Amino acid sequence: MGSALIFLLVLVGVAVVFALWAVGQYNGLVALRNRFKNAFAQIDVQLKRRHDLIPNLVETAKGYMKHESGTLEAVIAARNSASQASTAAAANPGDPQSMKALGGAESGLSGALGRLFAVAEAYPDLKANQNMMQLSEELTSTENKVSFSRQAYNDSVMTYNTKREIFPTNILAGMFNFGPAELFQIEDPGEKEAPKVSFT
């Protein structure tokens, strides 16, 4: 009877240790998931600011660029698409499809803005406009903040994904539906183009 009691106590001890380990791993996954969601919230703040600046930028440019309505309309359409994608991603930052859609929409917006600024180069009065210069500066500052926030988010996602994929935590992650999180990537169309060199 003594050895049966010892065996039972050892079994209960092992079960308690396993339960404590499982609770610790579960809580760790929850903390990491909340961390990357919070990191996305920081991106979302900057994206909303970016999206709010664009209509003012277009309105300022509209007075000077009467013959460039197609460019201006493309910027507004890209801004609206990015804003919708941002709202969808903010609802569930862990959803890979929403994050991919957001990355694509923001890449499209960056491309449309790049074309707007390229066309604006042909309008010296627009470039000299105080409001345009201020909006461009605010937009550049916001882009930098988005980039910094995106890096923090991607670091949090990497930590979370690594934790949920390593053994034996991956078993627990699968049991409690801790799905993978998607990195937030914005492709800059300018990065793919070869640099233009002029010797004139």
C-alpha atoms as a PDB file:
ATOM      1  CA  MET A   1       0.000   0.000   0.000  1.00  0.00           C
ATOM      2  CA  GLY A   2       2.906   2.356   0.736  1.00  0.00           C
ATOM      3  CA  SER A   3       4.375   2.008  -2.773  1.00  0.00           C
ATOM      4  CA  ALA A   4       0.927   2.545  -4.348  1.00  0.00           C
ATOM      5  CA  LEU A   5       0.531   5.759  -2.343  1.00  0.00           C
ATOM      6  CA  ILE A   6       3.993   6.967  -3.387  1.00  0.00           C
ATOM      7  CA  PHE A   7       3.198   6.157  -7.020  1.00  0.00           C
ATOM      8  CA  LEU A   8      -0.104   8.046  -6.752  1.00  0.00           C
ATOM      9  CA  LEU A   9       1.628  11.069  -5.177  1.00  0.00           C
ATOM     10  CA  VAL A  10       4.278  11.075  -7.920  1.00  0.00           C
ATOM     11  CA  LEU A  11       1.549  10.856 -10.563  1.00  0.00           C
ATOM     12  CA  VAL A  12      -0.369  13.743  -8.965  1.00  0.00           C
ATOM     13  CA  GLY A  13       2.895  15.749  -8.732  1.00  0.00           C
ATOM     14  CA  VAL A  14       3.636  15.184 -12.418  1.00  0.00           C
ATOM     15  CA  ALA A  15       0.059  16.195 -13.330  1.00  0.00           C
ATOM     16  CA  VAL A  16       0.347  19.381 -11.258  1.00  0.00           C
ATOM     17  CA  VAL A  17       3.703  20.280 -12.831  1.00  0.00           C
ATOM     18  CA  PHE A  18       2.286  19.646 -16.306  1.00  0.00           C
ATOM     19  CA  ALA A  19      -0.812  21.737 -15.523  1.00  0.00           C
ATOM     20  CA  LEU A  20       1.346  24.612 -14.245  1.00  0.00           C
ATOM     21  CA  TRP A  21       3.545  24.399 -17.336  1.00  0.00           C
ATOM     22  CA  ALA A  22       0.476  24.390 -19.638  1.00  0.00           C
ATOM     23  CA  VAL A  23      -1.013  27.417 -17.850  1.00  0.00           C
ATOM     24  CA  GLY A  24       2.306  29.263 -18.134  1.00  0.00           C
ATOM     25  CA  GLN A  25       2.628  28.506 -21.851  1.00  0.00           C
ATOM     26  CA  TYR A  26      -0.995  29.453 -22.517  1.00  0.00           C
ATOM     27  CA  ASN A  27      -0.604  32.743 -20.655  1.00  0.00           C
ATOM     28  CA  GLY A  28       2.636  33.403 -22.551  1.00  0.00           C
ATOM     29  CA  LEU A  29       0.881  32.919 -25.892  1.00  0.00           C
ATOM     30  CA  VAL A  30      -1.949  35.227 -24.817  1.00  0.00           C
ATOM     31  CA  ALA A  31       0.560  37.895 -23.741  1.00  0.00           C
ATOM     32  CA  LEU A  32       2.441  37.668 -27.049  1.00  0.00           C
ATOM     33  CA  ARG A  33      -0.786  37.805 -29.062  1.00  0.00           C
ATOM     34  CA  ASN A  34      -1.884  40.886 -27.126  1.00  0.00           C
ATOM     35  CA  ARG A  35       1.530  42.464 -27.681  1.00  0.00           C
ATOM     36  CA  PHE A  36       1.353  42.160 -31.467  1.00  0.00           C
ATOM     37  CA  LYS A  37      -2.256  43.405 -31.446  1.00  0.00           C
ATOM     38  CA  ASN A  38      -1.156  46.434 -29.444  1.00  0.00           C
ATOM     39  CA  ALA A  39       1.732  46.968 -31.852  1.00  0.00           C
ATOM     40  CA  PHE A  40      -0.748  46.960 -34.727  1.00  0.00           C
ATOM     41  CA  ALA A  41      -2.874  49.531 -32.907  1.00  0.00           C
ATOM     42  CA  GLN A  42       0.159  51.851 -33.030  1.00  0.00           C
ATOM     43  CA  ILE A  43       0.402  51.333 -36.790  1.00  0.00           C
ATOM     44  CA  ASP A  44      -3.323  51.932 -37.150  1.00  0.00           C
ATOM     45  CA  VAL A  45      -3.037  55.342 -35.463  1.00  0.00           C
ATOM     46  CA  GLN A  46      -0.348  56.412 -37.933  1.00  0.00           C
ATOM     47  CA  LEU A  47      -2.215  54.991 -40.943  1.00  0.00           C
ATOM     48  CA  LYS A  48      -5.349  56.927 -39.968  1.00  0.00           C
ATOM     49  CA  ARG A  49      -3.252  60.086 -39.721  1.00  0.00           C
ATOM     50  CA  ARG A  50      -1.773  59.354 -43.151  1.00  0.00           C
ATOM     51  CA  HIS A  51      -5.211  58.740 -44.635  1.00  0.00           C
ATOM     52  CA  ASP A  52      -6.534  61.979 -43.077  1.00  0.00           C
ATOM     53  CA  LEU A  53      -3.695  64.055 -44.585  1.00  0.00           C
ATOM     54  CA  ILE A  54      -4.242  62.865 -48.142  1.00  0.00           C
ATOM     55  CA  PRO A  55      -7.577  64.647 -48.904  1.00  0.00           C
ATOM     56  CA  ASN A  56      -6.008  67.950 -47.788  1.00  0.00           C
ATOM     57  CA  LEU A  57      -2.988  67.272 -49.983  1.00  0.00           C
ATOM     58  CA  VAL A  58      -5.204  66.518 -52.989  1.00  0.00           C
ATOM     59  CA  GLU A  59      -7.342  69.634 -52.375  1.00  0.00           C
ATOM     60  CA  THR A  60      -4.224  71.783 -52.252  1.00  0.00           C
ATOM     61  CA  ALA A  61      -2.868  70.228 -55.453  1.00  0.00           C
ATOM     62  CA  LYS A  62      -6.227  70.450 -57.234  1.00  0.00           C
ATOM     63  CA  GLY A  63      -5.990  74.221 -57.581  1.00  0.00           C
ATOM     64  CA  TYR A  64      -2.690  73.954 -59.454  1.00  0.00           C
ATOM     65  CA  MET A  65      -3.073  70.655 -61.300  1.00  0.00           C
ATOM     66  CA  LYS A  66      -6.308  71.168 -63.230  1.00  0.00           C
ATOM     67  CA  HIS A  67      -5.139  68.911 -66.068  1.00  0.00           C
ATOM     68  CA  GLU A  68      -4.089  66.080 -63.756  1.00  0.00           C
ATOM     69  CA  SER A  69      -7.514  65.002 -62.493  1.00  0.00           C
ATOM     70  CA  GLY A  70      -6.748  61.338 -63.261  1.00  0.00           C
ATOM     71  CA  THR A  71      -3.731  61.387 -60.948  1.00  0.00           C
ATOM     72  CA  LEU A  72      -5.701  63.103 -58.187  1.00  0.00           C
ATOM     73  CA  GLU A  73      -8.613  60.673 -58.521  1.00  0.00           C
ATOM     74  CA  ALA A  74      -6.207  57.717 -58.404  1.00  0.00           C
ATOM     75  CA  VAL A  75      -4.746  59.018 -55.122  1.00  0.00           C
ATOM     76  CA  ILE A  76      -8.210  59.402 -53.571  1.00  0.00           C
ATOM     77  CA  ALA A  77      -9.288  55.933 -54.791  1.00  0.00           C
ATOM     78  CA  ALA A  78      -6.087  54.377 -53.395  1.00  0.00           C
ATOM     79  CA  ARG A  79      -6.581  56.260 -50.111  1.00  0.00           C
ATOM     80  CA  ASN A  80     -10.170  54.974 -49.793  1.00  0.00           C
ATOM     81  CA  SER A  81      -9.065  51.417 -50.537  1.00  0.00           C
ATOM     82  CA  ALA A  82      -6.256  51.645 -47.961  1.00  0.00           C
ATOM     83  CA  SER A  83      -8.609  53.126 -45.377  1.00  0.00           C
ATOM     84  CA  GLN A  84     -11.084  50.244 -45.832  1.00  0.00           C
ATOM     85  CA  ALA A  85      -8.291  47.667 -45.642  1.00  0.00           C
ATOM     86  CA  SER A  86      -6.971  49.351 -42.477  1.00  0.00           C
ATOM     87  CA  THR A  87     -10.385  49.155 -40.825  1.00  0.00           C
ATOM     88  CA  ALA A  88     -10.673  45.452 -41.688  1.00  0.00           C
ATOM     89  CA  ALA A  89      -7.165  44.698 -40.398  1.00  0.00           C
ATOM     90  CA  ALA A  90      -7.752  46.655 -37.185  1.00  0.00           C
ATOM     91  CA  ALA A  91     -10.777  44.459 -36.466  1.00  0.00           C
ATOM     92  CA  ASN A  92      -8.513  41.392 -36.381  1.00  0.00           C
ATOM     93  CA  PRO A  93      -4.771  42.034 -36.738  1.00  0.00           C
ATOM     94  CA  GLY A  94      -4.129  38.298 -36.462  1.00  0.00           C
ATOM     95  CA  ASP A  95      -5.963  37.535 -39.714  1.00  0.00           C
ATOM     96  CA  PRO A  96      -3.370  36.841 -42.437  1.00  0.00           C
ATOM     97  CA  GLN A  97      -5.765  37.745 -45.285  1.00  0.00           C
ATOM     98  CA  SER A  98      -6.579  41.154 -43.784  1.00  0.00           C
ATOM     99  CA  MET A  99      -2.903  41.932 -43.260  1.00  0.00           C
ATOM    100  CA  LYS A 100      -2.006  40.940 -46.823  1.00  0.00           C
ATOM    101  CA  ALA A 101      -4.870  43.059 -48.159  1.00  0.00           C
ATOM    102  CA  LEU A 102      -3.710  45.995 -46.052  1.00  0.00           C
ATOM    103  CA  GLY A 103      -0.134  45.640 -47.255  1.00  0.00           C
ATOM    104  CA  GLY A 104      -1.315  45.585 -50.871  1.00  0.00           C
ATOM    105  CA  ALA A 105      -3.620  48.580 -50.395  1.00  0.00           C
ATOM    106  CA  GLU A 106      -0.910  50.611 -48.669  1.00  0.00           C
ATOM    107  CA  SER A 107       1.551  49.714 -51.445  1.00  0.00           C
ATOM    108  CA  GLY A 108      -0.997  50.966 -53.980  1.00  0.00           C
ATOM    109  CA  LEU A 109      -1.424  54.177 -52.009  1.00  0.00           C
ATOM    110  CA  SER A 110       2.337  54.708 -51.821  1.00  0.00           C
ATOM    111  CA  GLY A 111       2.555  54.252 -55.581  1.00  0.00           C
ATOM    112  CA  ALA A 112      -0.287  56.718 -56.236  1.00  0.00           C
ATOM    113  CA  LEU A 113       1.310  59.285 -53.915  1.00  0.00           C
ATOM    114  CA  GLY A 114       4.649  58.788 -55.652  1.00  0.00           C
ATOM    115  CA  ARG A 115       3.006  59.551 -59.002  1.00  0.00           C
ATOM    116  CA  LEU A 116       1.316  62.633 -57.510  1.00  0.00           C
ATOM    117  CA  PHE A 117       4.613  64.000 -56.219  1.00  0.00           C
ATOM    118  CA  ALA A 118       6.322  63.216 -59.523  1.00  0.00           C
ATOM    119  CA  VAL A 119       3.642  65.151 -61.428  1.00  0.00           C
ATOM    120  CA  ALA A 120       3.788  67.978 -58.847  1.00  0.00           C
ATOM    121  CA  GLU A 121       7.436  68.530 -59.801  1.00  0.00           C
ATOM    122  CA  ALA A 122       6.192  70.094 -63.042  1.00  0.00           C
ATOM    123  CA  TYR A 123       4.281  72.773 -61.102  1.00  0.00           C
ATOM    124  CA  PRO A 124       6.756  75.159 -59.419  1.00  0.00           C
ATOM    125  CA  ASP A 125       3.955  77.255 -57.882  1.00  0.00           C
ATOM    126  CA  LEU A 126       2.519  74.133 -56.253  1.00  0.00           C
ATOM    127  CA  LYS A 127       5.916  73.070 -54.923  1.00  0.00           C
ATOM    128  CA  ALA A 128       6.345  76.539 -53.402  1.00  0.00           C
ATOM    129  CA  ASN A 129       2.868  76.573 -51.834  1.00  0.00           C
ATOM    130  CA  GLN A 130       3.240  76.778 -48.040  1.00  0.00           C
ATOM    131  CA  ASN A 131       0.284  74.476 -47.389  1.00  0.00           C
ATOM    132  CA  MET A 132       1.635  71.877 -49.840  1.00  0.00           C
ATOM    133  CA  MET A 133       5.081  72.000 -48.240  1.00  0.00           C
ATOM    134  CA  GLN A 134       3.607  71.584 -44.754  1.00  0.00           C
ATOM    135  CA  LEU A 135       1.363  68.685 -45.798  1.00  0.00           C
ATOM    136  CA  SER A 136       4.272  66.990 -47.584  1.00  0.00           C
ATOM    137  CA  GLU A 137       6.412  67.351 -44.480  1.00  0.00           C
ATOM    138  CA  GLU A 138       3.663  65.954 -42.228  1.00  0.00           C
ATOM    139  CA  LEU A 139       3.125  63.067 -44.639  1.00  0.00           C
ATOM    140  CA  THR A 140       6.848  62.272 -44.664  1.00  0.00           C
ATOM    141  CA  SER A 141       6.938  62.370 -40.862  1.00  0.00           C
ATOM    142  CA  THR A 142       3.915  60.076 -40.698  1.00  0.00           C
ATOM    143  CA  GLU A 143       5.506  57.671 -43.206  1.00  0.00           C
ATOM    144  CA  ASN A 144       8.537  57.446 -40.922  1.00  0.00           C
ATOM    145  CA  LYS A 145       6.307  56.718 -37.924  1.00  0.00           C
ATOM    146  CA  VAL A 146       4.452  54.035 -39.890  1.00  0.00           C
ATOM    147  CA  SER A 147       7.770  52.454 -40.805  1.00  0.00           C
ATOM    148  CA  PHE A 148       8.959  52.454 -37.200  1.00  0.00           C
ATOM    149  CA  SER A 149       5.631  51.092 -35.907  1.00  0.00           C
ATOM    150  CA  ARG A 150       5.614  48.438 -38.625  1.00  0.00           C
ATOM    151  CA  GLN A 151       9.045  47.244 -37.514  1.00  0.00           C
ATOM    152  CA  ALA A 152       7.863  46.968 -33.894  1.00  0.00           C
ATOM    153  CA  TYR A 153       4.742  45.093 -35.036  1.00  0.00           C
ATOM    154  CA  ASN A 154       6.726  42.684 -37.212  1.00  0.00           C
ATOM    155  CA  ASP A 155       9.130  42.007 -34.316  1.00  0.00           C
ATOM    156  CA  SER A 156       6.152  41.196 -32.068  1.00  0.00           C
ATOM    157  CA  VAL A 157       4.631  38.936 -34.722  1.00  0.00           C
ATOM    158  CA  MET A 158       7.947  37.118 -35.167  1.00  0.00           C
ATOM    159  CA  THR A 159       8.233  36.500 -31.415  1.00  0.00           C
ATOM    160  CA  TYR A 160       4.630  35.268 -31.229  1.00  0.00           C
ATOM    161  CA  ASN A 161       4.944  32.995 -34.286  1.00  0.00           C
ATOM    162  CA  THR A 162       8.209  31.539 -33.005  1.00  0.00           C
ATOM    163  CA  LYS A 163       6.664  30.788 -29.603  1.00  0.00           C
ATOM    164  CA  ARG A 164       3.576  29.139 -31.107  1.00  0.00           C
ATOM    165  CA  GLU A 165       5.639  27.015 -33.537  1.00  0.00           C
ATOM    166  CA  ILE A 166       8.244  25.555 -31.171  1.00  0.00           C
ATOM    167  CA  PHE A 167       7.740  22.165 -29.604  1.00  0.00           C
ATOM    168  CA  PRO A 168       5.948  21.439 -27.277  1.00  0.00           C
ATOM    169  CA  THR A 169       4.144  24.800 -27.188  1.00  0.00           C
ATOM    170  CA  ASN A 170       2.878  24.165 -30.728  1.00  0.00           C
ATOM    171  CA  ILE A 171       0.661  21.369 -29.371  1.00  0.00           C
ATOM    172  CA  LEU A 172      -0.921  23.740 -26.872  1.00  0.00           C
ATOM    173  CA  ALA A 173      -1.220  26.472 -29.542  1.00  0.00           C
ATOM    174  CA  GLY A 174      -3.056  24.055 -31.810  1.00  0.00           C
ATOM    175  CA  MET A 175      -5.396  22.905 -29.047  1.00  0.00           C
ATOM    176  CA  PHE A 176      -6.411  26.486 -28.203  1.00  0.00           C
ATOM    177  CA  ASN A 177      -6.482  27.865 -31.781  1.00  0.00           C
ATOM    178  CA  PHE A 178      -3.545  30.246 -31.575  1.00  0.00           C
ATOM    179  CA  GLY A 179      -3.218  30.756 -35.316  1.00  0.00           C
ATOM    180  CA  PRO A 180      -0.224  32.293 -37.095  1.00  0.00           C
ATOM    181  CA  ALA A 181       0.033  36.062 -37.399  1.00  0.00           C
ATOM    182  CA  GLU A 182       1.006  37.768 -40.649  1.00  0.00           C
ATOM    183  CA  LEU A 183       3.847  40.249 -41.004  1.00  0.00           C
ATOM    184  CA  PHE A 184       2.853  43.704 -42.255  1.00  0.00           C
ATOM    185  CA  GLN A 185       4.779  44.460 -45.423  1.00  0.00           C
ATOM    186  CA  ILE A 186       4.369  47.454 -47.684  1.00  0.00           C
ATOM    187  CA  GLU A 187       6.156  47.224 -50.981  1.00  0.00           C
ATOM    188  CA  ASP A 188       7.673  50.503 -52.065  1.00  0.00           C
ATOM    189  CA  PRO A 189       7.395  50.705 -55.850  1.00  0.00           C
ATOM    190  CA  GLY A 190      10.503  52.893 -55.884  1.00  0.00           C
ATOM    191  CA  GLU A 191      12.611  50.133 -54.369  1.00  0.00           C
ATOM    192  CA  LYS A 192      12.084  47.918 -57.416  1.00  0.00           C
ATOM    193  CA  GLU A 193      13.067  50.542 -59.950  1.00  0.00           C
ATOM    194  CA  ALA A 194      16.679  50.895 -60.977  1.00  0.00           C
ATOM    195  CA  PRO A 195      18.148  54.232 -59.886  1.00  0.00           C
ATOM    196  CA  LYS A 196      18.222  56.839 -62.627  1.00  0.00           C
ATOM    197  CA  VAL A 197      21.653  58.344 -63.189  1.00  0.00           C
ATOM    198  CA  SER A 198      22.098  61.573 -65.104  1.00  0.00           C
ATOM    199  CA  PHE A 199      25.450  63.051 -66.116  1.00  0.00           C
ATOM    200  CA  THR A 200      24.088  66.283 -67.601  1.00  0.00           C
END
